[in-house]
Structure formats: C-alpha cells, structure tokens
Amino acid sequence: MSIRTITKSLTGAAAMIMGLHPVIAAAALPGAQAPTRGEGTSWLQTIQNYGYDGFMLIGLFLLGGMMVGVASHAYGVYHDIHEGKKKWRDLGLTAVVGICLIGVGIFMVTKATGVL
C-alpha cells in the first residue's frame, strides 16, 4: 500500500467516526446572557441595556486602538533615536503625552457611557 492510500483510509475512517458520533464533534456553546444592567421591565429597556453594552464594547475597542497607536508611535521614536534623528527626551515626551491621551480617552468613554 502506498502512503497516499493509507492517508486516504485514515482520513475516511476519521470522518466516519466523527459522523457517527456527533456528540464528540459538537461544541458546548454558551447560552445568551442578560445585559450587564439586567433585562429590564420591558423589551425597550432590554434593548437599551444591550445598547449600553454595545457602546461600552465600542469604547473598549477605541481605547485599545489608542493604546496601539501610542505604542506604535513610541516604537517609531525609539527607532529614530537609534538612527540619530531624535533624542531620548522625545521618547519621554511621547510617553507622557500618550499616557495623558489614554487617560483622557478613558475619562471620555466613562462619561459617555454614564450619559446612556
């Protein structure tokens, strides 16, 4: 028997086993959960609470993007230091301004979700 025939046989056997035993292949997916503010007394409040969670998630992604942007810029400044284009104080200034921007971003997202 060639290796190709053996591989085909093993693949077919594995597919048959998985097909005969769907319990093995089935994933245990979690059920839907209530929003963080609770389900509310009406469907409108429940939708508003899911909207609140959605806006919190969007804010989290925006803050993550801000952090990646600050880190990317700091890495670029660090690279420029070794090429002689910038000085160490530029990296320190980048760190201070980046931390301030991230702090302001966290403050704004917190205030924006408080309005909801």
PDB file of N, CA and C in Angstrom:
ATOM      1  N   MET A   1       0.845  -1.188   0.000  1.00  0.00           N
ATOM      2  CA  MET A   1       0.000   0.000   0.000  1.00  0.00           C
ATOM      3  C   MET A   1       0.883   1.241   0.000  1.00  0.00           C
ATOM      4  N   SER A   2       0.429   2.215  -0.734  1.00  0.00           N
ATOM      5  CA  SER A   2       1.194   3.461  -0.776  1.00  0.00           C
ATOM      6  C   SER A   2       0.770   4.363   0.386  1.00  0.00           C
ATOM      7  N   ILE A   3       1.563   5.359   0.618  1.00  0.00           N
ATOM      8  CA  ILE A   3       1.271   6.308   1.702  1.00  0.00           C
ATOM      9  C   ILE A   3      -0.012   7.069   1.398  1.00  0.00           C
ATOM     10  N   ARG A   4      -0.235   7.349   0.138  1.00  0.00           N
ATOM     11  CA  ARG A   4      -1.439   8.073  -0.254  1.00  0.00           C
ATOM     12  C   ARG A   4      -2.695   7.260   0.078  1.00  0.00           C
ATOM     13  N   THR A   5      -2.679   5.982  -0.178  1.00  0.00           N
ATOM     14  CA  THR A   5      -3.820   5.114   0.113  1.00  0.00           C
ATOM     15  C   THR A   5      -4.047   5.024   1.617  1.00  0.00           C
ATOM     16  N   ILE A   6      -2.974   4.902   2.368  1.00  0.00           N
ATOM     17  CA  ILE A   6      -3.098   4.834   3.832  1.00  0.00           C
ATOM     18  C   ILE A   6      -3.677   6.136   4.372  1.00  0.00           C
ATOM     19  N   THR A   7      -3.200   7.264   3.847  1.00  0.00           N
ATOM     20  CA  THR A   7      -3.696   8.564   4.300  1.00  0.00           C
ATOM     21  C   THR A   7      -5.175   8.715   3.980  1.00  0.00           C
ATOM     22  N   LYS A   8      -5.578   8.296   2.772  1.00  0.00           N
ATOM     23  CA  LYS A   8      -6.992   8.363   2.398  1.00  0.00           C
ATOM     24  C   LYS A   8      -7.833   7.490   3.320  1.00  0.00           C
ATOM     25  N   SER A   9      -7.347   6.313   3.641  1.00  0.00           N
ATOM     26  CA  SER A   9      -8.086   5.398   4.507  1.00  0.00           C
ATOM     27  C   SER A   9      -8.243   5.984   5.903  1.00  0.00           C
ATOM     28  N   LEU A  10      -7.168   6.533   6.437  1.00  0.00           N
ATOM     29  CA  LEU A  10      -7.234   7.125   7.778  1.00  0.00           C
ATOM     30  C   LEU A  10      -8.144   8.342   7.804  1.00  0.00           C
ATOM     31  N   THR A  11      -8.088   9.153   6.764  1.00  0.00           N
ATOM     32  CA  THR A  11      -8.952  10.331   6.697  1.00  0.00           C
ATOM     33  C   THR A  11     -10.412   9.913   6.611  1.00  0.00           C
ATOM     34  N   GLY A  12     -10.696   8.908   5.795  1.00  0.00           N
ATOM     35  CA  GLY A  12     -12.065   8.407   5.682  1.00  0.00           C
ATOM     36  C   GLY A  12     -12.559   7.816   6.987  1.00  0.00           C
ATOM     37  N   ALA A  13     -11.703   7.084   7.679  1.00  0.00           N
ATOM     38  CA  ALA A  13     -12.085   6.491   8.964  1.00  0.00           C
ATOM     39  C   ALA A  13     -12.361   7.576   9.996  1.00  0.00           C
ATOM     40  N   ALA A  14     -11.526   8.602  10.019  1.00  0.00           N
ATOM     41  CA  ALA A  14     -11.736   9.694  10.972  1.00  0.00           C
ATOM     42  C   ALA A  14     -13.037  10.427  10.673  1.00  0.00           C
ATOM     43  N   ALA A  15     -13.327  10.653   9.395  1.00  0.00           N
ATOM     44  CA  ALA A  15     -14.574  11.326   9.020  1.00  0.00           C
ATOM     45  C   ALA A  15     -15.782  10.480   9.396  1.00  0.00           C
ATOM     46  N   MET A  16     -15.684   9.164   9.221  1.00  0.00           N
ATOM     47  CA  MET A  16     -16.788   8.285   9.567  1.00  0.00           C
ATOM     48  C   MET A  16     -17.017   8.278  11.078  1.00  0.00           C
ATOM     49  N   ILE A  17     -15.945   8.238  11.840  1.00  0.00           N
ATOM     50  CA  ILE A  17     -16.081   8.245  13.299  1.00  0.00           C
ATOM     51  C   ILE A  17     -16.724   9.542  13.764  1.00  0.00           C
ATOM     52  N   MET A  18     -16.281  10.667  13.200  1.00  0.00           N
ATOM     53  CA  MET A  18     -16.857  11.956  13.583  1.00  0.00           C
ATOM     54  C   MET A  18     -18.320  12.050  13.157  1.00  0.00           C
ATOM     55  N   GLY A  19     -18.655  11.459  12.022  1.00  0.00           N
ATOM     56  CA  GLY A  19     -20.038  11.475  11.559  1.00  0.00           C
ATOM     57  C   GLY A  19     -20.939  10.578  12.378  1.00  0.00           C
ATOM     58  N   LEU A  20     -20.410   9.455  12.846  1.00  0.00           N
ATOM     59  CA  LEU A  20     -21.208   8.525  13.632  1.00  0.00           C
ATOM     60  C   LEU A  20     -21.381   8.985  15.074  1.00  0.00           C
ATOM     61  N   HIS A  21     -20.476   9.779  15.549  1.00  0.00           N
ATOM     62  CA  HIS A  21     -20.532  10.253  16.928  1.00  0.00           C
ATOM     63  C   HIS A  21     -20.576  11.779  16.955  1.00  0.00           C
ATOM     64  N   PRO A  22     -21.727  12.366  16.676  1.00  0.00           N
ATOM     65  CA  PRO A  22     -21.802  13.830  16.639  1.00  0.00           C
ATOM     66  C   PRO A  22     -21.599  14.467  18.009  1.00  0.00           C
ATOM     67  N   VAL A  23     -21.765  13.695  19.071  1.00  0.00           N
ATOM     68  CA  VAL A  23     -21.555  14.247  20.408  1.00  0.00           C
ATOM     69  C   VAL A  23     -20.094  14.648  20.588  1.00  0.00           C
ATOM     70  N   ILE A  24     -19.199  13.899  19.993  1.00  0.00           N
ATOM     71  CA  ILE A  24     -17.773  14.205  20.106  1.00  0.00           C
ATOM     72  C   ILE A  24     -17.451  15.511  19.396  1.00  0.00           C
ATOM     73  N   ALA A  25     -18.097  15.740  18.250  1.00  0.00           N
ATOM     74  CA  ALA A  25     -17.777  16.896  17.426  1.00  0.00           C
ATOM     75  C   ALA A  25     -18.566  18.138  17.813  1.00  0.00           C
ATOM     76  N   ALA A  26     -19.607  18.017  18.608  1.00  0.00           N
ATOM     77  CA  ALA A  26     -20.452  19.158  18.939  1.00  0.00           C
ATOM     78  C   ALA A  26     -19.775  20.027  19.993  1.00  0.00           C
ATOM     79  N   ALA A  27     -19.841  21.330  19.776  1.00  0.00           N
ATOM     80  CA  ALA A  27     -19.270  22.272  20.742  1.00  0.00           C
ATOM     81  C   ALA A  27     -20.339  22.652  21.759  1.00  0.00           C
ATOM     82  N   ALA A  28     -19.922  22.867  22.968  1.00  0.00           N
ATOM     83  CA  ALA A  28     -20.837  23.290  24.012  1.00  0.00           C
ATOM     84  C   ALA A  28     -20.877  24.815  24.020  1.00  0.00           C
ATOM     85  N   LEU A  29     -21.788  25.384  23.246  1.00  0.00           N
ATOM     86  CA  LEU A  29     -21.886  26.833  23.143  1.00  0.00           C
ATOM     87  C   LEU A  29     -22.651  27.389  24.332  1.00  0.00           C
ATOM     88  N   PRO A  30     -22.223  28.528  24.857  1.00  0.00           N
ATOM     89  CA  PRO A  30     -22.946  29.118  25.981  1.00  0.00           C
ATOM     90  C   PRO A  30     -24.263  29.729  25.507  1.00  0.00           C
ATOM     91  N   GLY A  31     -25.196  29.830  26.404  1.00  0.00           N
ATOM     92  CA  GLY A  31     -26.472  30.453  26.077  1.00  0.00           C
ATOM     93  C   GLY A  31     -26.358  31.969  26.100  1.00  0.00           C
ATOM     94  N   ALA A  32     -27.378  32.629  25.604  1.00  0.00           N
ATOM     95  CA  ALA A  32     -27.393  34.089  25.609  1.00  0.00           C
ATOM     96  C   ALA A  32     -27.509  34.583  27.046  1.00  0.00           C
ATOM     97  N   GLN A  33     -26.778  35.630  27.353  1.00  0.00           N
ATOM     98  CA  GLN A  33     -26.797  36.180  28.697  1.00  0.00           C
ATOM     99  C   GLN A  33     -27.520  37.514  28.702  1.00  0.00           C
ATOM    100  N   ALA A  34     -28.023  37.868  29.854  1.00  0.00           N
ATOM    101  CA  ALA A  34     -28.683  39.156  30.009  1.00  0.00           C
ATOM    102  C   ALA A  34     -27.638  40.266  29.964  1.00  0.00           C
ATOM    103  N   PRO A  35     -28.032  41.486  29.585  1.00  0.00           N
ATOM    104  CA  PRO A  35     -27.069  42.587  29.588  1.00  0.00           C
ATOM    105  C   PRO A  35     -26.582  42.894  30.997  1.00  0.00           C
ATOM    106  N   THR A  36     -25.518  43.679  31.088  1.00  0.00           N
ATOM    107  CA  THR A  36     -24.920  43.950  32.395  1.00  0.00           C
ATOM    108  C   THR A  36     -25.846  44.738  33.309  1.00  0.00           C
ATOM    109  N   ARG A  37     -26.737  45.524  32.758  1.00  0.00           N
ATOM    110  CA  ARG A  37     -27.679  46.288  33.572  1.00  0.00           C
ATOM    111  C   ARG A  37     -28.949  45.501  33.887  1.00  0.00           C
ATOM    112  N   GLY A  38     -29.026  44.270  33.456  1.00  0.00           N
ATOM    113  CA  GLY A  38     -30.217  43.462  33.685  1.00  0.00           C
ATOM    114  C   GLY A  38     -31.141  43.514  32.481  1.00  0.00           C
ATOM    115  N   GLU A  39     -32.186  42.703  32.521  1.00  0.00           N
ATOM    116  CA  GLU A  39     -33.093  42.629  31.376  1.00  0.00           C
ATOM    117  C   GLU A  39     -34.095  43.762  31.342  1.00  0.00           C
ATOM    118  N   GLY A  40     -34.397  44.385  32.453  1.00  0.00           N
ATOM    119  CA  GLY A  40     -35.368  45.469  32.469  1.00  0.00           C
ATOM    120  C   GLY A  40     -36.787  44.944  32.586  1.00  0.00           C
ATOM    121  N   THR A  41     -37.720  45.885  32.700  1.00  0.00           N
ATOM    122  CA  THR A  41     -39.122  45.502  32.866  1.00  0.00           C
ATOM    123  C   THR A  41     -39.859  45.404  31.542  1.00  0.00           C
ATOM    124  N   SER A  42     -39.293  45.942  30.475  1.00  0.00           N
ATOM    125  CA  SER A  42     -39.922  45.862  29.154  1.00  0.00           C
ATOM    126  C   SER A  42     -38.859  45.535  28.111  1.00  0.00           C
ATOM    127  N   TRP A  43     -39.312  45.221  26.916  1.00  0.00           N
ATOM    128  CA  TRP A  43     -38.374  44.893  25.847  1.00  0.00           C
ATOM    129  C   TRP A  43     -37.566  46.114  25.449  1.00  0.00           C
ATOM    130  N   LEU A  44     -38.145  47.325  25.588  1.00  0.00           N
ATOM    131  CA  LEU A  44     -37.419  48.541  25.236  1.00  0.00           C
ATOM    132  C   LEU A  44     -36.234  48.761  26.184  1.00  0.00           C
ATOM    133  N   GLN A  45     -36.441  48.543  27.470  1.00  0.00           N
ATOM    134  CA  GLN A  45     -35.338  48.670  28.426  1.00  0.00           C
ATOM    135  C   GLN A  45     -34.268  47.619  28.175  1.00  0.00           C
ATOM    136  N   THR A  46     -34.680  46.430  27.798  1.00  0.00           N
ATOM    137  CA  THR A  46     -33.707  45.380  27.493  1.00  0.00           C
ATOM    138  C   THR A  46     -32.857  45.769  26.295  1.00  0.00           C
ATOM    139  N   ILE A  47     -33.475  46.319  25.253  1.00  0.00           N
ATOM    140  CA  ILE A  47     -32.723  46.771  24.078  1.00  0.00           C
ATOM    141  C   ILE A  47     -31.789  47.914  24.451  1.00  0.00           C
ATOM    142  N   GLN A  48     -32.259  48.835  25.301  1.00  0.00           N
ATOM    143  CA  GLN A  48     -31.395  49.931  25.753  1.00  0.00           C
ATOM    144  C   GLN A  48     -30.202  49.397  26.538  1.00  0.00           C
ATOM    145  N   ASN A  49     -30.426  48.391  27.351  1.00  0.00           N
ATOM    146  CA  ASN A  49     -29.331  47.813  28.128  1.00  0.00           C
ATOM    147  C   ASN A  49     -28.325  47.095  27.227  1.00  0.00           C
ATOM    148  N   TYR A  50     -28.811  46.419  26.178  1.00  0.00           N
ATOM    149  CA  TYR A  50     -27.889  45.820  25.208  1.00  0.00           C
ATOM    150  C   TYR A  50     -27.132  46.908  24.447  1.00  0.00           C
ATOM    151  N   GLY A  51     -27.798  48.025  24.152  1.00  0.00           N
ATOM    152  CA  GLY A  51     -27.128  49.157  23.506  1.00  0.00           C
ATOM    153  C   GLY A  51     -26.024  49.722  24.381  1.00  0.00           C
ATOM    154  N   TYR A  52     -26.288  49.805  25.680  1.00  0.00           N
ATOM    155  CA  TYR A  52     -25.260  50.262  26.615  1.00  0.00           C
ATOM    156  C   TYR A  52     -24.039  49.352  26.548  1.00  0.00           C
ATOM    157  N   ASP A  53     -24.274  48.048  26.553  1.00  0.00           N
ATOM    158  CA  ASP A  53     -23.159  47.098  26.450  1.00  0.00           C
ATOM    159  C   ASP A  53     -22.420  47.257  25.129  1.00  0.00           C
ATOM    160  N   GLY A  54     -23.169  47.503  24.051  1.00  0.00           N
ATOM    161  CA  GLY A  54     -22.547  47.703  22.744  1.00  0.00           C
ATOM    162  C   GLY A  54     -21.663  48.938  22.720  1.00  0.00           C
ATOM    163  N   PHE A  55     -22.153  50.042  23.295  1.00  0.00           N
ATOM    164  CA  PHE A  55     -21.344  51.257  23.335  1.00  0.00           C
ATOM    165  C   PHE A  55     -20.108  51.082  24.211  1.00  0.00           C
ATOM    166  N   MET A  56     -20.247  50.319  25.290  1.00  0.00           N
ATOM    167  CA  MET A  56     -19.079  50.028  26.125  1.00  0.00           C
ATOM    168  C   MET A  56     -18.040  49.231  25.336  1.00  0.00           C
ATOM    169  N   LEU A  57     -18.489  48.290  24.528  1.00  0.00           N
ATOM    170  CA  LEU A  57     -17.581  47.483  23.721  1.00  0.00           C
ATOM    171  C   LEU A  57     -16.890  48.339  22.658  1.00  0.00           C
ATOM    172  N   ILE A  58     -17.645  49.237  22.028  1.00  0.00           N
ATOM    173  CA  ILE A  58     -17.047  50.142  21.039  1.00  0.00           C
ATOM    174  C   ILE A  58     -16.005  51.029  21.710  1.00  0.00           C
ATOM    175  N   GLY A  59     -16.332  51.553  22.893  1.00  0.00           N
ATOM    176  CA  GLY A  59     -15.369  52.370  23.630  1.00  0.00           C
ATOM    177  C   GLY A  59     -14.119  51.591  23.995  1.00  0.00           C
ATOM    178  N   LEU A  60     -14.295  50.331  24.339  1.00  0.00           N
ATOM    179  CA  LEU A  60     -13.149  49.479  24.659  1.00  0.00           C
ATOM    180  C   LEU A  60     -12.254  49.294  23.443  1.00  0.00           C
ATOM    181  N   PHE A  61     -12.864  49.081  22.272  1.00  0.00           N
ATOM    182  CA  PHE A  61     -12.081  48.948  21.039  1.00  0.00           C
ATOM    183  C   PHE A  61     -11.357  50.250  20.703  1.00  0.00           C
ATOM    184  N   LEU A  62     -12.033  51.394  20.898  1.00  0.00           N
ATOM    185  CA  LEU A  62     -11.389  52.681  20.629  1.00  0.00           C
ATOM    186  C   LEU A  62     -10.188  52.898  21.547  1.00  0.00           C
ATOM    187  N   LEU A  63     -10.351  52.575  22.813  1.00  0.00           N
ATOM    188  CA  LEU A  63      -9.234  52.729  23.749  1.00  0.00           C
ATOM    189  C   LEU A  63      -8.101  51.769  23.417  1.00  0.00           C
ATOM    190  N   GLY A  64      -8.430  50.569  23.002  1.00  0.00           N
ATOM    191  CA  GLY A  64      -7.396  49.625  22.567  1.00  0.00           C
ATOM    192  C   GLY A  64      -6.648  50.153  21.360  1.00  0.00           C
ATOM    193  N   GLY A  65      -7.379  50.754  20.424  1.00  0.00           N
ATOM    194  CA  GLY A  65      -6.740  51.367  19.258  1.00  0.00           C
ATOM    195  C   GLY A  65      -5.844  52.526  19.639  1.00  0.00           C
ATOM    196  N   MET A  66      -6.290  53.308  20.624  1.00  0.00           N
ATOM    197  CA  MET A  66      -5.452  54.414  21.100  1.00  0.00           C
ATOM    198  C   MET A  66      -4.154  53.883  21.699  1.00  0.00           C
ATOM    199  N   MET A  67      -4.252  52.830  22.482  1.00  0.00           N
ATOM    200  CA  MET A  67      -3.052  52.264  23.104  1.00  0.00           C
ATOM    201  C   MET A  67      -2.091  51.713  22.058  1.00  0.00           C
ATOM    202  N   VAL A  68      -2.641  51.052  21.047  1.00  0.00           N
ATOM    203  CA  VAL A  68      -1.786  50.536  19.975  1.00  0.00           C
ATOM    204  C   VAL A  68      -1.137  51.689  19.220  1.00  0.00           C
ATOM    205  N   GLY A  69      -1.886  52.764  18.985  1.00  0.00           N
ATOM    206  CA  GLY A  69      -1.333  53.928  18.296  1.00  0.00           C
ATOM    207  C   GLY A  69      -0.208  54.581  19.073  1.00  0.00           C
ATOM    208  N   VAL A  70      -0.399  54.744  20.372  1.00  0.00           N
ATOM    209  CA  VAL A  70       0.649  55.343  21.207  1.00  0.00           C
ATOM    210  C   VAL A  70       1.881  54.445  21.229  1.00  0.00           C
ATOM    211  N   ALA A  71       1.672  53.142  21.372  1.00  0.00           N
ATOM    212  CA  ALA A  71       2.810  52.216  21.398  1.00  0.00           C
ATOM    213  C   ALA A  71       3.544  52.206  20.063  1.00  0.00           C
ATOM    214  N   SER A  72       2.806  52.272  18.972  1.00  0.00           N
ATOM    215  CA  SER A  72       3.428  52.291  17.646  1.00  0.00           C
ATOM    216  C   SER A  72       4.255  53.557  17.451  1.00  0.00           C
ATOM    217  N   HIS A  73       3.703  54.683  17.880  1.00  0.00           N
ATOM    218  CA  HIS A  73       4.447  55.937  17.754  1.00  0.00           C
ATOM    219  C   HIS A  73       5.699  55.917  18.632  1.00  0.00           C
ATOM    220  N   ALA A  74       5.563  55.400  19.845  1.00  0.00           N
ATOM    221  CA  ALA A  74       6.723  55.322  20.739  1.00  0.00           C
ATOM    222  C   ALA A  74       7.795  54.411  20.152  1.00  0.00           C
ATOM    223  N   TYR A  75       7.387  53.319  19.525  1.00  0.00           N
ATOM    224  CA  TYR A  75       8.353  52.425  18.886  1.00  0.00           C
ATOM    225  C   TYR A  75       9.066  53.140  17.741  1.00  0.00           C
ATOM    226  N   GLY A  76       8.315  53.938  16.978  1.00  0.00           N
ATOM    227  CA  GLY A  76       8.927  54.710  15.893  1.00  0.00           C
ATOM    228  C   GLY A  76       9.925  55.727  16.407  1.00  0.00           C
ATOM    229  N   VAL A  77       9.578  56.390  17.509  1.00  0.00           N
ATOM    230  CA  VAL A  77      10.504  57.362  18.105  1.00  0.00           C
ATOM    231  C   VAL A  77      11.750  56.647  18.615  1.00  0.00           C
ATOM    232  N   TYR A  78      11.570  55.490  19.231  1.00  0.00           N
ATOM    233  CA  TYR A  78      12.712  54.711  19.721  1.00  0.00           C
ATOM    234  C   TYR A  78      13.627  54.317  18.561  1.00  0.00           C
ATOM    235  N   HIS A  79      13.031  53.947  17.441  1.00  0.00           N
ATOM    236  CA  HIS A  79      13.815  53.599  16.256  1.00  0.00           C
ATOM    237  C   HIS A  79      14.586  54.823  15.748  1.00  0.00           C
ATOM    238  N   ASP A  80      13.921  55.979  15.753  1.00  0.00           N
ATOM    239  CA  ASP A  80      14.578  57.206  15.291  1.00  0.00           C
ATOM    240  C   ASP A  80      15.711  57.627  16.223  1.00  0.00           C
ATOM    241  N   ILE A  81      15.613  57.291  17.502  1.00  0.00           N
ATOM    242  CA  ILE A  81      16.696  57.605  18.444  1.00  0.00           C
ATOM    243  C   ILE A  81      17.962  56.875  18.019  1.00  0.00           C
ATOM    244  N   HIS A  82      17.823  55.612  17.653  1.00  0.00           N
ATOM    245  CA  HIS A  82      18.999  54.824  17.279  1.00  0.00           C
ATOM    246  C   HIS A  82      19.556  55.212  15.916  1.00  0.00           C
ATOM    247  N   GLU A  83      18.751  55.889  15.110  1.00  0.00           N
ATOM    248  CA  GLU A  83      19.261  56.400  13.837  1.00  0.00           C
ATOM    249  C   GLU A  83      19.832  57.802  13.984  1.00  0.00           C
ATOM    250  N   GLY A  84      19.683  58.390  15.159  1.00  0.00           N
ATOM    251  CA  GLY A  84      20.219  59.721  15.416  1.00  0.00           C
ATOM    252  C   GLY A  84      19.292  60.851  15.005  1.00  0.00           C
ATOM    253  N   LYS A  85      18.063  60.555  14.641  1.00  0.00           N
ATOM    254  CA  LYS A  85      17.128  61.593  14.211  1.00  0.00           C
ATOM    255  C   LYS A  85      16.433  62.274  15.382  1.00  0.00           C
ATOM    256  N   LYS A  86      16.267  61.557  16.490  1.00  0.00           N
ATOM    257  CA  LYS A  86      15.578  62.106  17.660  1.00  0.00           C
ATOM    258  C   LYS A  86      16.395  61.828  18.904  1.00  0.00           C
ATOM    259  N   LYS A  87      15.981  62.480  19.985  1.00  0.00           N
ATOM    260  CA  LYS A  87      16.680  62.332  21.255  1.00  0.00           C
ATOM    261  C   LYS A  87      15.781  61.591  22.246  1.00  0.00           C
ATOM    262  N   TRP A  88      16.395  61.205  23.382  1.00  0.00           N
ATOM    263  CA  TRP A  88      15.657  60.456  24.393  1.00  0.00           C
ATOM    264  C   TRP A  88      14.522  61.279  24.987  1.00  0.00           C
ATOM    265  N   ARG A  89      14.679  62.585  25.023  1.00  0.00           N
ATOM    266  CA  ARG A  89      13.603  63.415  25.577  1.00  0.00           C
ATOM    267  C   ARG A  89      12.345  63.319  24.711  1.00  0.00           C
ATOM    268  N   ASP A  90      12.521  63.068  23.405  1.00  0.00           N
ATOM    269  CA  ASP A  90      11.359  62.894  22.533  1.00  0.00           C
ATOM    270  C   ASP A  90      10.575  61.637  22.912  1.00  0.00           C
ATOM    271  N   LEU A  91      11.287  60.592  23.290  1.00  0.00           N
ATOM    272  CA  LEU A  91      10.610  59.372  23.731  1.00  0.00           C
ATOM    273  C   LEU A  91       9.877  59.615  25.052  1.00  0.00           C
ATOM    274  N   GLY A  92      10.506  60.344  25.960  1.00  0.00           N
ATOM    275  CA  GLY A  92       9.848  60.682  27.221  1.00  0.00           C
ATOM    276  C   GLY A  92       8.611  61.533  26.993  1.00  0.00           C
ATOM    277  N   LEU A  93       8.707  62.499  26.084  1.00  0.00           N
ATOM    278  CA  LEU A  93       7.560  63.343  25.765  1.00  0.00           C
ATOM    279  C   LEU A  93       6.442  62.514  25.132  1.00  0.00           C
ATOM    280  N   THR A  94       6.811  61.583  24.272  1.00  0.00           N
ATOM    281  CA  THR A  94       5.818  60.691  23.662  1.00  0.00           C
ATOM    282  C   THR A  94       5.108  59.873  24.732  1.00  0.00           C
ATOM    283  N   ALA A  95       5.854  59.373  25.704  1.00  0.00           N
ATOM    284  CA  ALA A  95       5.249  58.575  26.780  1.00  0.00           C
ATOM    285  C   ALA A  95       4.289  59.417  27.612  1.00  0.00           C
ATOM    286  N   VAL A  96       4.704  60.634  27.970  1.00  0.00           N
ATOM    287  CA  VAL A  96       3.855  61.495  28.801  1.00  0.00           C
ATOM    288  C   VAL A  96       2.582  61.879  28.053  1.00  0.00           C
ATOM    289  N   VAL A  97       2.731  62.323  26.817  1.00  0.00           N
ATOM    290  CA  VAL A  97       1.559  62.724  26.035  1.00  0.00           C
ATOM    291  C   VAL A  97       0.657  61.519  25.761  1.00  0.00           C
ATOM    292  N   GLY A  98       1.246  60.359  25.482  1.00  0.00           N
ATOM    293  CA  GLY A  98       0.450  59.157  25.241  1.00  0.00           C
ATOM    294  C   GLY A  98      -0.346  58.744  26.458  1.00  0.00           C
ATOM    295  N   ILE A  99       0.275  58.793  27.627  1.00  0.00           N
ATOM    296  CA  ILE A  99      -0.436  58.444  28.860  1.00  0.00           C
ATOM    297  C   ILE A  99      -1.567  59.425  29.117  1.00  0.00           C
ATOM    298  N   CYS A 100      -1.320  60.708  28.871  1.00  0.00           N
ATOM    299  CA  CYS A 100      -2.374  61.715  29.043  1.00  0.00           C
ATOM    300  C   CYS A 100      -3.528  61.475  28.069  1.00  0.00           C
ATOM    301  N   LEU A 101      -3.213  61.165  26.814  1.00  0.00           N
ATOM    302  CA  LEU A 101      -4.267  60.905  25.824  1.00  0.00           C
ATOM    303  C   LEU A 101      -5.098  59.683  26.197  1.00  0.00           C
ATOM    304  N   ILE A 102      -4.445  58.642  26.650  1.00  0.00           N
ATOM    305  CA  ILE A 102      -5.180  57.441  27.049  1.00  0.00           C
ATOM    306  C   ILE A 102      -6.042  57.738  28.277  1.00  0.00           C
ATOM    307  N   GLY A 103      -5.518  58.511  29.222  1.00  0.00           N
ATOM    308  CA  GLY A 103      -6.300  58.899  30.396  1.00  0.00           C
ATOM    309  C   GLY A 103      -7.524  59.715  30.020  1.00  0.00           C
ATOM    310  N   VAL A 104      -7.354  60.674  29.104  1.00  0.00           N
ATOM    311  CA  VAL A 104      -8.490  61.474  28.639  1.00  0.00           C
ATOM    312  C   VAL A 104      -9.492  60.584  27.904  1.00  0.00           C
ATOM    313  N   GLY A 105      -8.994  59.636  27.117  1.00  0.00           N
ATOM    314  CA  GLY A 105      -9.891  58.713  26.415  1.00  0.00           C
ATOM    315  C   GLY A 105     -10.708  57.872  27.377  1.00  0.00           C
ATOM    316  N   ILE A 106     -10.077  57.352  28.415  1.00  0.00           N
ATOM    317  CA  ILE A 106     -10.799  56.563  29.421  1.00  0.00           C
ATOM    318  C   ILE A 106     -11.847  57.424  30.115  1.00  0.00           C
ATOM    319  N   PHE A 107     -11.477  58.658  30.452  1.00  0.00           N
ATOM    320  CA  PHE A 107     -12.415  59.578  31.100  1.00  0.00           C
ATOM    321  C   PHE A 107     -13.621  59.846  30.203  1.00  0.00           C
ATOM    322  N   MET A 108     -13.362  60.101  28.911  1.00  0.00           N
ATOM    323  CA  MET A 108     -14.456  60.422  27.990  1.00  0.00           C
ATOM    324  C   MET A 108     -15.380  59.227  27.760  1.00  0.00           C
ATOM    325  N   VAL A 109     -14.814  58.034  27.638  1.00  0.00           N
ATOM    326  CA  VAL A 109     -15.658  56.847  27.454  1.00  0.00           C
ATOM    327  C   VAL A 109     -16.501  56.603  28.703  1.00  0.00           C
ATOM    328  N   THR A 110     -15.914  56.808  29.876  1.00  0.00           N
ATOM    329  CA  THR A 110     -16.663  56.627  31.121  1.00  0.00           C
ATOM    330  C   THR A 110     -17.810  57.625  31.215  1.00  0.00           C
ATOM    331  N   LYS A 111     -17.540  58.885  30.879  1.00  0.00           N
ATOM    332  CA  LYS A 111     -18.590  59.906  30.921  1.00  0.00           C
ATOM    333  C   LYS A 111     -19.662  59.636  29.865  1.00  0.00           C
ATOM    334  N   ALA A 112     -19.243  59.201  28.677  1.00  0.00           N
ATOM    335  CA  ALA A 112     -20.207  58.940  27.605  1.00  0.00           C
ATOM    336  C   ALA A 112     -21.140  57.792  27.963  1.00  0.00           C
ATOM    337  N   THR A 113     -20.624  56.760  28.590  1.00  0.00           N
ATOM    338  CA  THR A 113     -21.498  55.654  28.976  1.00  0.00           C
ATOM    339  C   THR A 113     -22.359  56.022  30.174  1.00  0.00           C
ATOM    340  N   GLY A 114     -21.914  56.996  30.971  1.00  0.00           N
ATOM    341  CA  GLY A 114     -22.740  57.477  32.073  1.00  0.00           C
ATOM    342  C   GLY A 114     -23.968  58.226  31.577  1.00  0.00           C
ATOM    343  N   VAL A 115     -23.860  58.839  30.398  1.00  0.00           N
ATOM    344  CA  VAL A 115     -24.985  59.558  29.814  1.00  0.00           C
ATOM    345  C   VAL A 115     -26.076  58.581  29.383  1.00  0.00           C
ATOM    346  N   LEU A 116     -25.656  57.411  28.922  1.00  0.00           N
ATOM    347  CA  LEU A 116     -26.632  56.416  28.476  1.00  0.00           C
ATOM    348  C   LEU A 116     -27.436  55.953  29.665  1.00  0.00           C
TER     349      LEU A 116
END
